[in-house]
Every structure is written in C-alpha cells, then in structure tokens.
N, C-alpha and C. Protein backbone atom coordinates (compact mmCIF):
# COMPACT_ATOMS: atom_id res chain seq x y z
N UNK A 1 75.40 23.55 36.35
CA UNK A 1 74.28 24.82 36.65
C UNK A 1 74.76 25.29 38.24
N UNK A 2 74.24 26.71 38.39
CA UNK A 2 74.56 27.37 39.52
C UNK A 2 73.43 26.96 40.33
N UNK A 3 73.62 26.97 41.69
CA UNK A 3 72.58 26.75 42.73
C UNK A 3 71.51 27.76 42.42
N UNK A 4 71.76 28.89 42.08
CA UNK A 4 70.36 29.77 42.16
C UNK A 4 69.66 29.25 41.11
N UNK A 5 70.11 28.61 39.78
CA UNK A 5 69.50 28.00 38.65
C UNK A 5 68.59 27.09 39.05
N UNK A 6 69.47 26.08 39.88
CA UNK A 6 68.72 24.84 40.23
C UNK A 6 67.52 25.16 41.26
N UNK A 7 67.82 26.09 42.05
CA UNK A 7 66.42 26.46 42.92
C UNK A 7 65.27 26.91 42.15
N UNK A 8 65.80 27.82 41.01
CA UNK A 8 64.66 28.51 40.29
C UNK A 8 64.07 27.12 39.35
N UNK A 9 64.76 26.17 38.85
CA UNK A 9 64.31 24.96 38.38
C UNK A 9 63.28 24.23 39.18
N UNK A 10 63.53 24.06 40.42
CA UNK A 10 62.89 23.19 41.30
C UNK A 10 61.61 23.81 41.61
N UNK A 11 61.74 25.13 41.89
CA UNK A 11 60.68 25.90 42.19
C UNK A 11 59.66 25.96 41.22
N UNK A 12 60.08 26.31 39.98
CA UNK A 12 59.43 26.66 38.84
C UNK A 12 58.22 25.21 38.59
N UNK A 13 59.26 23.94 38.54
CA UNK A 13 58.66 22.59 38.35
C UNK A 13 57.54 22.42 39.57
N UNK A 14 57.67 22.67 40.80
CA UNK A 14 56.88 22.48 42.20
C UNK A 14 55.78 23.32 42.00
N UNK A 15 55.76 24.71 41.67
CA UNK A 15 54.78 25.72 41.92
C UNK A 15 54.10 26.26 40.62
N UNK A 16 54.69 26.13 39.62
CA UNK A 16 54.11 26.75 38.23
C UNK A 16 53.94 28.38 38.60
N UNK A 17 54.91 29.13 39.20
CA UNK A 17 54.77 30.34 39.72
C UNK A 17 54.22 31.44 38.40
N UNK A 18 53.59 32.47 39.05
CA UNK A 18 53.02 33.61 38.20
C UNK A 18 54.33 34.33 38.23
N UNK A 19 55.14 34.48 39.49
CA UNK A 19 56.21 35.34 39.50
C UNK A 19 57.19 34.38 40.61
N UNK A 20 58.38 34.79 39.77
CA UNK A 20 59.36 34.01 40.84
C UNK A 20 60.65 34.79 40.82
N UNK A 21 61.44 35.05 41.61
CA UNK A 21 62.50 35.87 41.69
C UNK A 21 63.46 35.17 42.91
N UNK A 22 64.83 34.60 42.33
CA UNK A 22 65.57 34.05 43.36
C UNK A 22 66.75 34.67 43.45
N UNK A 23 67.38 35.22 44.68
CA UNK A 23 68.60 36.00 44.61
C UNK A 23 69.49 35.26 45.41
N UNK A 24 70.65 35.29 44.98
CA UNK A 24 71.87 35.04 45.63
C UNK A 24 72.54 35.82 46.48
N UNK A 25 72.46 35.79 47.71
CA UNK A 25 72.63 36.88 48.94
C UNK A 25 73.89 36.51 49.46
N UNK A 26 74.69 35.60 48.87
CA UNK A 26 75.84 34.91 49.48
C UNK A 26 76.80 36.04 49.74
N UNK A 27 77.21 36.86 48.67
CA UNK A 27 78.36 37.71 49.07
C UNK A 27 78.44 38.60 50.30
N UNK A 28 76.96 38.82 50.47
CA UNK A 28 76.83 39.68 51.83
C UNK A 28 77.32 39.07 53.19
N UNK A 29 77.21 37.67 52.85
CA UNK A 29 77.96 37.14 54.10
C UNK A 29 78.95 36.13 54.15
N UNK A 30 79.96 36.85 53.31
CA UNK A 30 81.28 36.42 53.39
C UNK A 30 82.06 36.47 54.66
N UNK A 31 82.57 35.53 55.27
CA UNK A 31 83.31 35.46 56.38
C UNK A 31 82.46 35.03 57.43
N UNK A 32 81.19 34.65 57.25
CA UNK A 32 80.12 34.52 58.15
C UNK A 32 80.29 32.58 58.08
N UNK A 33 79.55 32.06 58.96
CA UNK A 33 79.21 30.99 59.25
C UNK A 33 78.36 30.28 58.23
N UNK A 34 78.65 29.23 57.36
CA UNK A 34 77.82 28.59 56.26
C UNK A 34 78.14 29.30 54.95
N UNK A 35 79.01 30.13 54.87
CA UNK A 35 79.30 30.85 53.73
C UNK A 35 79.99 29.91 52.67
N UNK A 36 79.50 30.23 51.43
CA UNK A 36 80.20 29.02 50.48
C UNK A 36 80.44 29.91 49.12
N UNK A 37 81.49 30.06 48.50
CA UNK A 37 81.47 30.93 47.42
C UNK A 37 80.76 30.65 46.20
N UNK A 38 80.05 29.32 46.07
CA UNK A 38 79.18 28.80 45.26
C UNK A 38 77.73 29.22 45.44
N UNK A 39 77.59 29.84 46.54
CA UNK A 39 76.34 30.20 46.78
C UNK A 39 75.68 29.44 47.81
N UNK A 40 75.06 29.97 49.16
CA UNK A 40 74.85 29.36 50.29
C UNK A 40 73.42 29.99 50.83
N UNK A 41 73.34 31.44 50.52
CA UNK A 41 72.33 32.10 51.00
C UNK A 41 71.61 32.71 50.19
N UNK A 42 70.05 32.24 49.93
CA UNK A 42 69.30 32.94 49.08
C UNK A 42 68.22 33.39 49.53
N UNK A 43 67.57 34.21 48.66
CA UNK A 43 65.93 34.81 49.04
C UNK A 43 65.35 34.33 47.85
N UNK A 44 63.74 34.14 48.30
CA UNK A 44 63.17 33.79 46.96
C UNK A 44 61.77 34.51 47.19
N UNK A 45 61.42 35.19 46.26
CA UNK A 45 59.90 35.81 46.11
C UNK A 45 59.10 34.94 45.08
N UNK A 46 58.09 34.47 45.59
CA UNK A 46 57.19 33.40 45.00
C UNK A 46 55.86 33.65 44.66
N UNK A 47 55.06 33.78 43.78
CA UNK A 47 53.67 33.67 43.61
C UNK A 47 53.36 32.79 43.04
N UNK A 48 52.35 31.96 44.04
CA UNK A 48 52.04 30.70 42.87
C UNK A 48 50.44 30.37 43.60
N UNK A 49 49.66 30.02 42.84
CA UNK A 49 48.20 29.60 43.21
C UNK A 49 48.06 28.47 44.32
N UNK A 50 49.11 27.68 44.10
CA UNK A 50 49.42 26.51 45.15
C UNK A 50 49.29 27.18 46.59
N UNK A 51 49.58 28.24 46.87
CA UNK A 51 49.64 28.98 48.19
C UNK A 51 47.97 29.49 48.69
N UNK A 52 47.34 29.48 47.74
CA UNK A 52 45.73 29.98 48.12
C UNK A 52 45.46 29.09 49.05
N UNK A 53 44.73 30.09 50.27
CA UNK A 53 44.12 29.27 51.55
C UNK A 53 45.28 28.62 52.28
N UNK A 54 46.46 28.84 52.10
CA UNK A 54 47.38 28.18 52.97
C UNK A 54 48.27 29.09 54.02
N UNK A 55 48.38 28.67 55.17
CA UNK A 55 49.04 29.53 56.21
C UNK A 55 50.50 30.14 55.57
N UNK A 56 51.04 31.03 56.25
CA UNK A 56 52.43 31.27 56.04
C UNK A 56 53.41 29.71 56.29
N UNK A 57 53.21 29.12 57.53
CA UNK A 57 53.86 28.03 57.82
C UNK A 57 53.67 27.07 56.76
N UNK A 58 52.54 26.69 56.31
CA UNK A 58 52.08 25.56 55.34
C UNK A 58 52.96 26.18 54.11
N UNK A 59 52.82 27.20 53.73
CA UNK A 59 53.63 27.60 52.19
C UNK A 59 54.97 27.30 52.44
N UNK A 60 55.79 27.80 53.47
CA UNK A 60 57.31 27.60 53.89
C UNK A 60 57.34 26.07 54.05
N UNK A 61 56.63 25.22 54.41
CA UNK A 61 56.92 23.77 54.66
C UNK A 61 56.90 23.37 52.95
N UNK A 62 55.99 23.59 52.17
CA UNK A 62 55.77 22.97 50.78
C UNK A 62 57.27 23.56 50.16
N UNK A 63 57.79 24.76 50.12
CA UNK A 63 59.07 25.27 49.81
C UNK A 63 60.30 24.39 50.33
N UNK A 64 60.05 24.37 51.71
CA UNK A 64 61.48 23.28 52.19
C UNK A 64 61.45 21.99 51.46
N UNK A 65 59.90 21.25 51.45
CA UNK A 65 60.08 20.18 50.97
C UNK A 65 60.44 19.98 49.55
N UNK A 66 60.21 20.94 48.61
CA UNK A 66 60.39 21.08 47.36
C UNK A 66 62.30 21.17 47.28
N UNK A 67 62.61 21.84 48.08
CA UNK A 67 64.08 22.15 48.01
C UNK A 67 64.87 21.00 49.06
N UNK A 68 64.26 20.31 49.72
CA UNK A 68 64.65 19.31 50.62
C UNK A 68 66.15 18.88 50.17
N UNK A 69 66.53 18.44 49.04
CA UNK A 69 67.85 17.76 48.72
C UNK A 69 68.79 19.08 48.60
N UNK A 70 68.46 20.23 48.57
CA UNK A 70 69.36 21.14 48.38
C UNK A 70 69.61 21.96 49.67
N UNK A 71 68.64 21.79 50.43
CA UNK A 71 68.79 22.02 52.18
C UNK A 71 69.59 21.39 52.77
N UNK A 72 69.88 20.10 52.38
CA UNK A 72 70.70 19.22 53.13
C UNK A 72 72.10 19.56 53.10
N UNK A 73 72.67 20.25 51.99
CA UNK A 73 73.99 20.44 51.53
C UNK A 73 74.28 21.81 50.80
N UNK A 74 73.55 22.40 50.21
CA UNK A 74 73.71 23.46 49.42
C UNK A 74 73.33 24.99 49.59
N UNK A 75 72.15 24.52 50.53
CA UNK A 75 71.51 25.92 51.08
C UNK A 75 71.73 26.08 52.63
N UNK A 76 72.27 27.30 53.05
CA UNK A 76 72.71 27.51 54.45
C UNK A 76 71.64 28.41 55.01
N UNK A 77 71.28 29.48 54.16
CA UNK A 77 70.21 30.15 54.63
C UNK A 77 69.11 30.71 53.59
N UNK A 78 67.80 30.68 53.91
CA UNK A 78 67.02 30.88 52.88
C UNK A 78 65.80 31.66 53.50
N UNK A 79 65.58 33.18 52.67
CA UNK A 79 64.51 33.66 53.20
C UNK A 79 63.50 33.86 52.00
N UNK A 80 62.22 33.52 52.63
CA UNK A 80 61.11 33.38 51.84
C UNK A 80 60.12 34.44 51.81
N UNK A 81 59.46 34.67 50.87
CA UNK A 81 58.59 36.14 50.63
C UNK A 81 57.29 35.27 49.40
N UNK A 82 56.58 34.43 50.20
CA UNK A 82 55.48 33.67 49.25
C UNK A 82 54.05 34.28 49.36
N UNK A 83 53.33 34.27 48.12
CA UNK A 83 52.07 34.77 48.28
C UNK A 83 51.52 33.95 47.21
N UNK A 84 49.86 34.01 47.44
CA UNK A 84 48.86 33.63 46.61
C UNK A 84 48.52 34.78 45.33
N UNK A 85 48.31 34.51 44.41
CA UNK A 85 48.08 35.75 43.13
C UNK A 85 46.93 36.57 43.66
N UNK A 86 45.96 36.21 44.19
CA UNK A 86 44.71 36.98 44.88
C UNK A 86 45.12 37.67 45.88
N UNK A 87 46.32 37.70 46.65
CA UNK A 87 46.76 38.32 47.74
C UNK A 87 47.56 39.65 47.31
N UNK A 88 47.37 40.91 48.03
CA UNK A 88 48.25 42.02 47.72
C UNK A 88 49.69 41.85 48.06
N UNK A 89 50.34 42.07 47.06
CA UNK A 89 51.81 42.04 47.10
C UNK A 89 52.40 43.08 46.36
N UNK A 90 53.69 43.48 46.66
CA UNK A 90 54.42 44.53 45.80
C UNK A 90 55.47 43.75 45.10
N UNK A 91 56.43 44.57 44.50
CA UNK A 91 57.41 44.15 43.96
C UNK A 91 58.19 43.12 45.05
N UNK A 92 59.08 42.25 44.32
CA UNK A 92 60.23 41.60 45.16
C UNK A 92 60.93 42.55 46.09
N UNK A 93 60.76 42.36 47.26
CA UNK A 93 61.91 43.25 48.15
C UNK A 93 62.96 42.58 48.55
N UNK A 94 63.57 41.47 47.35
CA UNK A 94 64.81 41.05 47.74
C UNK A 94 65.78 41.64 46.73
C-alpha cells in the first residue's frame, strides 16, 4: 500500500471524515532534506465532526496522534487544513 493510501486509511478510521483529500507533494521537494521517492511530503484537507469546538492546535494534535506511527519514519512534512462541518471552508487548496 502506498503511503498516501495508508494516510487516508488511518484518517478515515480515526475521524470518519465528511471530506478528505490527501496529496503527495514529494515530487516538488526532490533534492531537499527528507525527500523520499516513496513519498514523504503530504498535504491533508479534512472535514470532520470530531473537530467541532476544538482549537487549531487541538485538531493538529489529534491528527499527529493518529499518524504517530508514520510520522516516526514515513512522513517528513505534513501540511494540515482541518475543519468542522459547520465552519466555512472552500475547496481543498492542496
């Protein structure tokens, strides 16, 4: 299973998202530190009821906790765009 698919699987199980888009941005980081041709730089757009009433920092912590096993070895960089369903948000900017 590719890393982007594994990230999606973990986030779907942890957050039951209304919307989820995971983008592998690794190609744009070729030659930089942390680059891995298997994928190491990712962006996540995620809308979940779990984020309702939580601060931006709390939301990020929840995602970091869910992806902890991958953050140790497989993910070098992670851009997060996290929303509750009742908040205004546009299309994923990823």
